[in-house]
Amino acid sequence: MNEDREHSQPTRSPPHREGGTSGAAVAGLGMQFVLAILVFLFLGKWLDERFGTTPWLLIAGVFLGAGASFYSIYRRLMADQKREDEARKRR
């Protein structure tokens, strides 16, 4: 009889998450921010060694990497917000 009860219960699907940005997406944004700064930092350092302009291109690279990261994160978050707003309107 226990077998009949186990098979008669409906299977549950995981709860549907509505809207919001997932934790993995936020962690990905943080990693993107750090990696962009590091890439531009090392590019600036390499250019400084090549042209003898130490430390100016390294500093410019850090600020350029941070600016590019902020802009990319801003665009992604605004796209997520727009998608959430459109989903709310459809309900």
Protein backbone atom coordinates (compact mmCIF):
# COMPACT_ATOMS: atom_id res chain seq x y z
CA MET A 1 0.00 0.00 0.00
CA ASN A 2 2.84 2.42 0.68
CA GLU A 3 3.95 2.04 -2.92
CA ASP A 4 0.55 3.23 -4.14
CA ARG A 5 0.75 6.37 -2.01
CA GLU A 6 4.25 7.18 -3.19
CA HIS A 7 3.28 6.91 -6.84
CA SER A 8 0.02 8.79 -6.46
CA GLN A 9 1.65 11.97 -5.13
CA PRO A 10 2.39 14.50 -7.85
CA THR A 11 6.00 15.37 -8.42
CA ARG A 12 6.91 18.87 -7.42
CA SER A 13 8.88 21.11 -9.66
CA PRO A 14 11.31 23.57 -8.14
CA PRO A 15 9.69 26.89 -7.23
CA HIS A 16 9.61 29.35 -10.10
CA ARG A 17 11.65 32.43 -9.39
CA GLU A 18 10.08 35.59 -10.67
CA GLY A 19 12.28 38.51 -11.64
CA GLY A 20 15.33 39.63 -9.79
CA THR A 21 18.96 39.09 -10.49
CA SER A 22 20.37 35.77 -9.33
CA GLY A 23 23.31 35.49 -6.99
CA ALA A 24 25.36 33.83 -9.70
CA ALA A 25 24.76 36.76 -12.04
CA VAL A 26 25.86 39.23 -9.37
CA ALA A 27 28.99 37.17 -8.65
CA GLY A 28 29.67 37.09 -12.38
CA LEU A 29 29.46 40.87 -12.53
CA GLY A 30 31.98 41.13 -9.70
CA MET A 31 34.37 38.77 -11.45
CA GLN A 32 33.98 40.73 -14.68
CA PHE A 33 34.80 43.95 -12.84
CA VAL A 34 37.98 42.54 -11.29
CA LEU A 35 39.16 40.83 -14.47
CA ALA A 36 38.70 43.94 -16.62
CA ILE A 37 40.72 46.04 -14.17
CA LEU A 38 43.48 43.41 -14.04
CA VAL A 39 43.65 43.07 -17.83
CA PHE A 40 43.92 46.84 -18.32
CA LEU A 41 46.41 47.09 -15.42
CA PHE A 42 48.76 44.56 -17.01
CA LEU A 43 48.26 46.12 -20.44
CA GLY A 44 49.19 49.52 -19.00
CA LYS A 45 52.21 48.03 -17.23
CA TRP A 46 53.38 46.36 -20.43
CA LEU A 47 52.94 49.60 -22.41
CA ASP A 48 54.81 51.53 -19.71
CA GLU A 49 57.77 49.16 -20.00
CA ARG A 50 57.67 49.37 -23.77
CA PHE A 51 57.48 53.18 -24.00
CA GLY A 52 59.23 54.13 -20.74
CA THR A 53 56.30 56.12 -19.38
CA THR A 54 56.12 54.47 -15.95
CA PRO A 55 53.59 54.71 -14.16
CA TRP A 56 51.25 56.79 -16.32
CA LEU A 57 49.90 54.14 -18.67
CA LEU A 58 49.46 51.71 -15.77
CA ILE A 59 47.33 54.29 -13.93
CA ALA A 60 45.41 55.09 -17.12
CA GLY A 61 44.85 51.36 -17.68
CA VAL A 62 43.38 50.89 -14.21
CA PHE A 63 40.98 53.81 -14.67
CA LEU A 64 40.07 52.69 -18.19
CA GLY A 65 39.40 49.14 -16.97
CA ALA A 66 37.27 50.40 -14.07
CA GLY A 67 35.33 52.75 -16.35
CA ALA A 68 34.71 50.04 -18.94
CA SER A 69 33.60 47.65 -16.19
CA PHE A 70 31.21 50.16 -14.65
CA TYR A 71 29.71 50.88 -18.06
CA SER A 72 29.29 47.19 -18.86
CA ILE A 73 27.72 46.45 -15.48
CA TYR A 74 25.39 49.45 -15.85
CA ARG A 75 24.22 48.28 -19.28
CA ARG A 76 23.60 44.73 -18.05
CA LEU A 77 21.69 45.87 -14.96
CA MET A 78 19.56 48.28 -17.01
CA ALA A 79 18.74 45.48 -19.48
CA ASP A 80 17.73 43.23 -16.55
CA GLN A 81 15.58 46.01 -15.10
CA LYS A 82 13.88 46.60 -18.46
CA ARG A 83 13.17 42.87 -18.82
CA GLU A 84 11.68 42.75 -15.29
CA ASP A 85 9.51 45.80 -15.97
CA GLU A 86 8.18 44.25 -19.17
CA ALA A 87 7.44 41.00 -17.30
CA ARG A 88 5.47 42.93 -14.66
CA LYS A 89 3.44 44.70 -17.33
CA ARG A 90 2.48 41.37 -18.90
CA ARG A 91 1.04 40.04 -15.62
